[in-house]
């Protein structure tokens, strides 16, 4: 297939999105989401996924260390 503007040859299907491999949540992520779910059950207010994702980035242990690494952050779509 020939690109009209640049004259480059692109392989067929170059514009198709690639599929991503599904990864499972680790124990820390599951525990955090379960904790948020239980809070919502007790209060009667469902948690907003965007807010949970934001809170996850700032979550800390009792000693002040970050609870999650950058690789462990979840997006609102994953929540």
PDB file of N, CA and C in Angstrom:
ATOM      1  N   UNK A   1       0.841  -1.160   0.000  1.00  0.00           N
ATOM      2  CA  UNK A   1       0.000   0.000   0.000  1.00  0.00           C
ATOM      3  C   UNK A   1       0.896   1.237   0.000  1.00  0.00           C
ATOM      4  N   UNK A   2       0.603   2.224  -0.796  1.00  0.00           N
ATOM      5  CA  UNK A   2       1.442   3.392  -0.939  1.00  0.00           C
ATOM      6  C   UNK A   2       0.781   4.587  -0.255  1.00  0.00           C
ATOM      7  N   UNK A   3       1.514   5.261   0.600  1.00  0.00           N
ATOM      8  CA  UNK A   3       1.020   6.470   1.234  1.00  0.00           C
ATOM      9  C   UNK A   3       1.119   7.597   0.219  1.00  0.00           C
ATOM     10  N   UNK A   4       0.018   8.284  -0.028  1.00  0.00           N
ATOM     11  CA  UNK A   4      -0.020   9.287  -1.091  1.00  0.00           C
ATOM     12  C   UNK A   4       0.857  10.493  -0.795  1.00  0.00           C
ATOM     13  N   UNK A   5       0.961  10.897   0.453  1.00  0.00           N
ATOM     14  CA  UNK A   5       1.681  12.117   0.770  1.00  0.00           C
ATOM     15  C   UNK A   5       3.186  11.899   0.876  1.00  0.00           C
ATOM     16  N   UNK A   6       3.614  10.828   1.477  1.00  0.00           N
ATOM     17  CA  UNK A   6       5.041  10.652   1.715  1.00  0.00           C
ATOM     18  C   UNK A   6       5.700   9.697   0.735  1.00  0.00           C
ATOM     19  N   UNK A   7       4.915   8.925   0.013  1.00  0.00           N
ATOM     20  CA  UNK A   7       5.485   7.986  -0.937  1.00  0.00           C
ATOM     21  C   UNK A   7       6.067   6.745  -0.285  1.00  0.00           C
ATOM     22  N   UNK A   8       5.837   6.563   1.044  1.00  0.00           N
ATOM     23  CA  UNK A   8       6.354   5.394   1.748  1.00  0.00           C
ATOM     24  C   UNK A   8       5.411   4.215   1.572  1.00  0.00           C
ATOM     25  N   UNK A   9       5.974   3.043   1.582  1.00  0.00           N
ATOM     26  CA  UNK A   9       5.168   1.835   1.503  1.00  0.00           C
ATOM     27  C   UNK A   9       4.918   1.340   2.921  1.00  0.00           C
ATOM     28  N   UNK A  10       3.649   1.204   3.290  1.00  0.00           N
ATOM     29  CA  UNK A  10       3.259   0.733   4.612  1.00  0.00           C
ATOM     30  C   UNK A  10       2.717  -0.683   4.483  1.00  0.00           C
ATOM     31  N   UNK A  11       2.997  -1.536   5.444  1.00  0.00           N
ATOM     32  CA  UNK A  11       2.421  -2.876   5.387  1.00  0.00           C
ATOM     33  C   UNK A  11       0.909  -2.796   5.537  1.00  0.00           C
ATOM     34  N   UNK A  12       0.208  -3.719   4.920  1.00  0.00           N
ATOM     35  CA  UNK A  12      -1.236  -3.713   4.981  1.00  0.00           C
ATOM     36  C   UNK A  12      -1.684  -3.916   6.425  1.00  0.00           C
ATOM     37  N   UNK A  13      -2.673  -3.142   6.844  1.00  0.00           N
ATOM     38  CA  UNK A  13      -3.177  -3.233   8.205  1.00  0.00           C
ATOM     39  C   UNK A  13      -2.395  -2.392   9.194  1.00  0.00           C
ATOM     40  N   UNK A  14      -1.569  -1.469   8.730  1.00  0.00           N
ATOM     41  CA  UNK A  14      -0.722  -0.679   9.622  1.00  0.00           C
ATOM     42  C   UNK A  14      -1.529   0.222  10.543  1.00  0.00           C
ATOM     43  N   UNK A  15      -2.749   0.578  10.159  1.00  0.00           N
ATOM     44  CA  UNK A  15      -3.558   1.486  10.972  1.00  0.00           C
ATOM     45  C   UNK A  15      -4.421   0.743  11.989  1.00  0.00           C
ATOM     46  N   UNK A  16      -4.419  -0.570  11.933  1.00  0.00           N
ATOM     47  CA  UNK A  16      -5.226  -1.334  12.866  1.00  0.00           C
ATOM     48  C   UNK A  16      -4.601  -1.291  14.256  1.00  0.00           C
ATOM     49  N   UNK A  17      -5.459  -1.209  15.243  1.00  0.00           N
ATOM     50  CA  UNK A  17      -4.966  -1.191  16.617  1.00  0.00           C
ATOM     51  C   UNK A  17      -4.467  -2.574  16.996  1.00  0.00           C
ATOM     52  N   UNK A  18      -3.402  -2.588  17.750  1.00  0.00           N
ATOM     53  CA  UNK A  18      -2.891  -3.876  18.220  1.00  0.00           C
ATOM     54  C   UNK A  18      -3.609  -4.233  19.518  1.00  0.00           C
ATOM     55  N   UNK A  19      -3.757  -5.495  19.775  1.00  0.00           N
ATOM     56  CA  UNK A  19      -4.418  -5.929  21.003  1.00  0.00           C
ATOM     57  C   UNK A  19      -3.394  -6.001  22.121  1.00  0.00           C
ATOM     58  N   UNK A  20      -3.842  -5.639  23.318  1.00  0.00           N
ATOM     59  CA  UNK A  20      -2.970  -5.689  24.481  1.00  0.00           C
ATOM     60  C   UNK A  20      -3.259  -6.957  25.263  1.00  0.00           C
ATOM     61  N   UNK A  21      -2.230  -7.522  25.841  1.00  0.00           N
ATOM     62  CA  UNK A  21      -2.390  -8.718  26.647  1.00  0.00           C
ATOM     63  C   UNK A  21      -3.016  -8.338  27.983  1.00  0.00           C
ATOM     64  N   UNK A  22      -4.018  -9.082  28.378  1.00  0.00           N
ATOM     65  CA  UNK A  22      -4.685  -8.822  29.650  1.00  0.00           C
ATOM     66  C   UNK A  22      -3.786  -9.251  30.796  1.00  0.00           C
ATOM     67  N   UNK A  23      -3.682  -8.393  31.796  1.00  0.00           N
ATOM     68  CA  UNK A  23      -2.913  -8.734  32.982  1.00  0.00           C
ATOM     69  C   UNK A  23      -3.847  -8.746  34.176  1.00  0.00           C
ATOM     70  N   UNK A  24      -3.578  -9.601  35.098  1.00  0.00           N
ATOM     71  CA  UNK A  24      -4.405  -9.706  36.295  1.00  0.00           C
ATOM     72  C   UNK A  24      -3.912  -8.730  37.355  1.00  0.00           C
ATOM     73  N   UNK A  25      -4.837  -8.321  38.214  1.00  0.00           N
ATOM     74  CA  UNK A  25      -4.468  -7.438  39.312  1.00  0.00           C
ATOM     75  C   UNK A  25      -3.680  -8.242  40.340  1.00  0.00           C
ATOM     76  N   UNK A  26      -2.687  -7.595  40.952  1.00  0.00           N
ATOM     77  CA  UNK A  26      -1.937  -8.282  42.003  1.00  0.00           C
ATOM     78  C   UNK A  26      -2.693  -8.168  43.332  1.00  0.00           C
ATOM     79  N   UNK A  27      -2.167  -8.783  44.368  1.00  0.00           N
ATOM     80  CA  UNK A  27      -2.852  -8.845  45.661  1.00  0.00           C
ATOM     81  C   UNK A  27      -3.047  -7.462  46.279  1.00  0.00           C
ATOM     82  N   UNK A  28      -2.053  -6.580  46.133  1.00  0.00           N
ATOM     83  CA  UNK A  28      -2.176  -5.228  46.697  1.00  0.00           C
ATOM     84  C   UNK A  28      -3.295  -4.457  46.013  1.00  0.00           C
ATOM     85  N   UNK A  29      -3.385  -4.574  44.687  1.00  0.00           N
ATOM     86  CA  UNK A  29      -4.425  -3.877  43.932  1.00  0.00           C
ATOM     87  C   UNK A  29      -5.807  -4.410  44.310  1.00  0.00           C
ATOM     88  N   UNK A  30      -5.933  -5.726  44.391  1.00  0.00           N
ATOM     89  CA  UNK A  30      -7.217  -6.332  44.765  1.00  0.00           C
ATOM     90  C   UNK A  30      -7.642  -5.893  46.155  1.00  0.00           C
ATOM     91  N   UNK A  31      -6.690  -5.897  47.079  1.00  0.00           N
ATOM     92  CA  UNK A  31      -6.992  -5.495  48.447  1.00  0.00           C
ATOM     93  C   UNK A  31      -7.462  -4.049  48.533  1.00  0.00           C
ATOM     94  N   UNK A  32      -6.808  -3.181  47.789  1.00  0.00           N
ATOM     95  CA  UNK A  32      -7.183  -1.766  47.797  1.00  0.00           C
ATOM     96  C   UNK A  32      -8.586  -1.580  47.217  1.00  0.00           C
ATOM     97  N   UNK A  33      -8.871  -2.255  46.103  1.00  0.00           N
ATOM     98  CA  UNK A  33     -10.188  -2.129  45.484  1.00  0.00           C
ATOM     99  C   UNK A  33     -11.275  -2.746  46.368  1.00  0.00           C
ATOM    100  N   UNK A  34     -10.970  -3.855  47.032  1.00  0.00           N
ATOM    101  CA  UNK A  34     -11.931  -4.447  47.970  1.00  0.00           C
ATOM    102  C   UNK A  34     -12.215  -3.498  49.128  1.00  0.00           C
ATOM    103  N   UNK A  35     -11.172  -2.840  49.605  1.00  0.00           N
ATOM    104  CA  UNK A  35     -11.315  -1.870  50.696  1.00  0.00           C
ATOM    105  C   UNK A  35     -12.245  -0.724  50.278  1.00  0.00           C
ATOM    106  N   UNK A  36     -12.025  -0.195  49.084  1.00  0.00           N
ATOM    107  CA  UNK A  36     -12.875   0.888  48.571  1.00  0.00           C
ATOM    108  C   UNK A  36     -14.313   0.402  48.387  1.00  0.00           C
ATOM    109  N   UNK A  37     -14.482  -0.844  47.920  1.00  0.00           N
ATOM    110  CA  UNK A  37     -15.811  -1.407  47.728  1.00  0.00           C
ATOM    111  C   UNK A  37     -16.550  -1.524  49.060  1.00  0.00           C
ATOM    112  N   UNK A  38     -15.851  -2.022  50.092  1.00  0.00           N
ATOM    113  CA  UNK A  38     -16.468  -2.185  51.415  1.00  0.00           C
ATOM    114  C   UNK A  38     -16.882  -0.835  51.997  1.00  0.00           C
ATOM    115  N   UNK A  39     -16.056   0.183  51.794  1.00  0.00           N
ATOM    116  CA  UNK A  39     -16.411   1.527  52.267  1.00  0.00           C
ATOM    117  C   UNK A  39     -17.687   1.994  51.578  1.00  0.00           C
ATOM    118  N   UNK A  40     -17.791   1.734  50.277  1.00  0.00           N
ATOM    119  CA  UNK A  40     -18.993   2.110  49.539  1.00  0.00           C
ATOM    120  C   UNK A  40     -20.225   1.344  49.989  1.00  0.00           C
ATOM    121  N   UNK A  41     -20.063   0.076  50.323  1.00  0.00           N
ATOM    122  CA  UNK A  41     -21.176  -0.726  50.814  1.00  0.00           C
ATOM    123  C   UNK A  41     -21.686  -0.196  52.146  1.00  0.00           C
ATOM    124  N   UNK A  42     -20.766   0.160  53.026  1.00  0.00           N
ATOM    125  CA  UNK A  42     -21.152   0.643  54.348  1.00  0.00           C
ATOM    126  C   UNK A  42     -21.785   2.032  54.278  1.00  0.00           C
ATOM    127  N   UNK A  43     -21.239   2.903  53.421  1.00  0.00           N
ATOM    128  CA  UNK A  43     -21.753   4.268  53.347  1.00  0.00           C
ATOM    129  C   UNK A  43     -22.959   4.388  52.416  1.00  0.00           C
ATOM    130  N   UNK A  44     -23.119   3.446  51.500  1.00  0.00           N
ATOM    131  CA  UNK A  44     -24.227   3.511  50.552  1.00  0.00           C
ATOM    132  C   UNK A  44     -23.924   4.349  49.327  1.00  0.00           C
ATOM    133  N   UNK A  45     -22.672   4.846  49.207  1.00  0.00           N
ATOM    134  CA  UNK A  45     -22.274   5.662  48.056  1.00  0.00           C
ATOM    135  C   UNK A  45     -21.228   4.910  47.253  1.00  0.00           C
ATOM    136  N   UNK A  46     -21.555   4.662  45.991  1.00  0.00           N
ATOM    137  CA  UNK A  46     -20.632   3.948  45.113  1.00  0.00           C
ATOM    138  C   UNK A  46     -19.423   4.836  44.817  1.00  0.00           C
ATOM    139  N   UNK A  47     -18.233   4.258  44.802  1.00  0.00           N
ATOM    140  CA  UNK A  47     -16.998   4.996  44.543  1.00  0.00           C
ATOM    141  C   UNK A  47     -16.885   5.334  43.056  1.00  0.00           C
ATOM    142  N   UNK A  48     -16.413   6.525  42.752  1.00  0.00           N
ATOM    143  CA  UNK A  48     -16.189   6.964  41.373  1.00  0.00           C
ATOM    144  C   UNK A  48     -14.849   6.402  40.902  1.00  0.00           C
ATOM    145  N   UNK A  49     -14.812   5.669  39.782  1.00  0.00           N
ATOM    146  CA  UNK A  49     -13.556   5.070  39.318  1.00  0.00           C
ATOM    147  C   UNK A  49     -12.438   6.087  39.093  1.00  0.00           C
ATOM    148  N   UNK A  50     -12.758   7.266  38.588  1.00  0.00           N
ATOM    149  CA  UNK A  50     -11.727   8.287  38.370  1.00  0.00           C
ATOM    150  C   UNK A  50     -11.122   8.737  39.692  1.00  0.00           C
ATOM    151  N   UNK A  51     -11.964   8.884  40.712  1.00  0.00           N
ATOM    152  CA  UNK A  51     -11.466   9.304  42.022  1.00  0.00           C
ATOM    153  C   UNK A  51     -10.651   8.196  42.683  1.00  0.00           C
ATOM    154  N   UNK A  52     -11.072   6.950  42.513  1.00  0.00           N
ATOM    155  CA  UNK A  52     -10.329   5.818  43.075  1.00  0.00           C
ATOM    156  C   UNK A  52      -8.947   5.743  42.425  1.00  0.00           C
ATOM    157  N   UNK A  53      -8.876   5.947  41.100  1.00  0.00           N
ATOM    158  CA  UNK A  53      -7.594   5.923  40.393  1.00  0.00           C
ATOM    159  C   UNK A  53      -6.678   7.035  40.909  1.00  0.00           C
ATOM    160  N   UNK A  54      -7.254   8.208  41.142  1.00  0.00           N
ATOM    161  CA  UNK A  54      -6.469   9.339  41.663  1.00  0.00           C
ATOM    162  C   UNK A  54      -5.998   9.058  43.091  1.00  0.00           C
ATOM    163  N   UNK A  55      -6.894   8.516  43.919  1.00  0.00           N
ATOM    164  CA  UNK A  55      -6.539   8.195  45.302  1.00  0.00           C
ATOM    165  C   UNK A  55      -5.448   7.126  45.356  1.00  0.00           C
ATOM    166  N   UNK A  56      -5.496   6.200  44.401  1.00  0.00           N
ATOM    167  CA  UNK A  56      -4.516   5.120  44.366  1.00  0.00           C
ATOM    168  C   UNK A  56      -3.105   5.666  44.166  1.00  0.00           C
ATOM    169  N   UNK A  57      -2.980   6.728  43.407  1.00  0.00           N
ATOM    170  CA  UNK A  57      -1.671   7.334  43.148  1.00  0.00           C
ATOM    171  C   UNK A  57      -1.089   7.995  44.394  1.00  0.00           C
ATOM    172  N   UNK A  58      -1.969   8.396  45.317  1.00  0.00           N
ATOM    173  CA  UNK A  58      -1.514   9.099  46.519  1.00  0.00           C
ATOM    174  C   UNK A  58      -1.605   8.248  47.783  1.00  0.00           C
ATOM    175  N   UNK A  59      -2.031   6.993  47.642  1.00  0.00           N
ATOM    176  CA  UNK A  59      -2.197   6.116  48.813  1.00  0.00           C
ATOM    177  C   UNK A  59      -0.843   5.815  49.452  1.00  0.00           C
ATOM    178  N   UNK A  60      -0.832   5.861  50.782  1.00  0.00           N
ATOM    179  CA  UNK A  60       0.403   5.606  51.521  1.00  0.00           C
ATOM    180  C   UNK A  60       0.140   4.615  52.647  1.00  0.00           C
ATOM    181  N   UNK A  61       1.198   3.917  53.061  1.00  0.00           N
ATOM    182  CA  UNK A  61       1.130   3.031  54.229  1.00  0.00           C
ATOM    183  C   UNK A  61       1.148   3.890  55.483  1.00  0.00           C
ATOM    184  N   UNK A  62       0.948   3.256  56.626  1.00  0.00           N
ATOM    185  CA  UNK A  62       0.968   3.977  57.903  1.00  0.00           C
ATOM    186  C   UNK A  62       2.314   4.647  58.148  1.00  0.00           C
ATOM    187  N   UNK A  63       3.398   4.050  57.634  1.00  0.00           N
ATOM    188  CA  UNK A  63       4.728   4.625  57.853  1.00  0.00           C
ATOM    189  C   UNK A  63       5.067   5.743  56.863  1.00  0.00           C
ATOM    190  N   UNK A  64       4.156   6.077  55.952  1.00  0.00           N
ATOM    191  CA  UNK A  64       4.367   7.186  55.033  1.00  0.00           C
ATOM    192  C   UNK A  64       4.927   6.798  53.676  1.00  0.00           C
ATOM    193  N   UNK A  65       5.275   5.531  53.484  1.00  0.00           N
ATOM    194  CA  UNK A  65       5.776   5.087  52.188  1.00  0.00           C
ATOM    195  C   UNK A  65       4.622   4.891  51.213  1.00  0.00           C
ATOM    196  N   UNK A  66       4.900   5.063  49.925  1.00  0.00           N
ATOM    197  CA  UNK A  66       3.878   4.874  48.904  1.00  0.00           C
ATOM    198  C   UNK A  66       3.384   3.429  48.914  1.00  0.00           C
ATOM    199  N   UNK A  67       2.092   3.281  48.734  1.00  0.00           N
ATOM    200  CA  UNK A  67       1.484   1.952  48.780  1.00  0.00           C
ATOM    201  C   UNK A  67       1.657   1.199  47.462  1.00  0.00           C
ATOM    202  N   UNK A  68       1.724   1.936  46.335  1.00  0.00           N
ATOM    203  CA  UNK A  68       1.828   1.318  45.020  1.00  0.00           C
ATOM    204  C   UNK A  68       2.990   1.918  44.236  1.00  0.00           C
ATOM    205  N   UNK A  69       3.568   1.105  43.355  1.00  0.00           N
ATOM    206  CA  UNK A  69       4.590   1.607  42.442  1.00  0.00           C
ATOM    207  C   UNK A  69       3.893   2.155  41.202  1.00  0.00           C
ATOM    208  N   UNK A  70       4.626   2.849  40.363  1.00  0.00           N
ATOM    209  CA  UNK A  70       4.065   3.429  39.147  1.00  0.00           C
ATOM    210  C   UNK A  70       3.464   2.342  38.251  1.00  0.00           C
ATOM    211  N   UNK A  71       4.092   1.186  38.218  1.00  0.00           N
ATOM    212  CA  UNK A  71       3.589   0.084  37.394  1.00  0.00           C
ATOM    213  C   UNK A  71       2.268  -0.479  37.907  1.00  0.00           C
ATOM    214  N   UNK A  72       1.959  -0.242  39.171  1.00  0.00           N
ATOM    215  CA  UNK A  72       0.756  -0.815  39.774  1.00  0.00           C
ATOM    216  C   UNK A  72      -0.449   0.116  39.730  1.00  0.00           C
ATOM    217  N   UNK A  73      -0.281   1.359  39.285  1.00  0.00           N
ATOM    218  CA  UNK A  73      -1.409   2.275  39.199  1.00  0.00           C
ATOM    219  C   UNK A  73      -2.421   1.749  38.189  1.00  0.00           C
ATOM    220  N   UNK A  74      -3.705   1.941  38.477  1.00  0.00           N
ATOM    221  CA  UNK A  74      -4.773   1.527  37.584  1.00  0.00           C
ATOM    222  C   UNK A  74      -5.457   2.747  36.989  1.00  0.00           C
ATOM    223  N   UNK A  75      -6.010   2.593  35.805  1.00  0.00           N
ATOM    224  CA  UNK A  75      -6.756   3.661  35.156  1.00  0.00           C
ATOM    225  C   UNK A  75      -8.235   3.534  35.536  1.00  0.00           C
ATOM    226  N   UNK A  76      -9.010   4.591  35.369  1.00  0.00           N
ATOM    227  CA  UNK A  76     -10.442   4.483  35.650  1.00  0.00           C
ATOM    228  C   UNK A  76     -11.139   3.385  34.840  1.00  0.00           C
ATOM    229  N   UNK A  77     -10.676   3.131  33.622  1.00  0.00           N
ATOM    230  CA  UNK A  77     -11.277   2.084  32.804  1.00  0.00           C
ATOM    231  C   UNK A  77     -11.014   0.700  33.395  1.00  0.00           C
ATOM    232  N   UNK A  78      -9.894   0.530  34.058  1.00  0.00           N
ATOM    233  CA  UNK A  78      -9.574  -0.757  34.673  1.00  0.00           C
ATOM    234  C   UNK A  78     -10.356  -0.966  35.956  1.00  0.00           C
ATOM    235  N   UNK A  79     -10.745   0.123  36.588  1.00  0.00           N
ATOM    236  CA  UNK A  79     -11.480   0.034  37.855  1.00  0.00           C
ATOM    237  C   UNK A  79     -12.949  -0.114  37.544  1.00  0.00           C
TER     238      UNK A  79
END
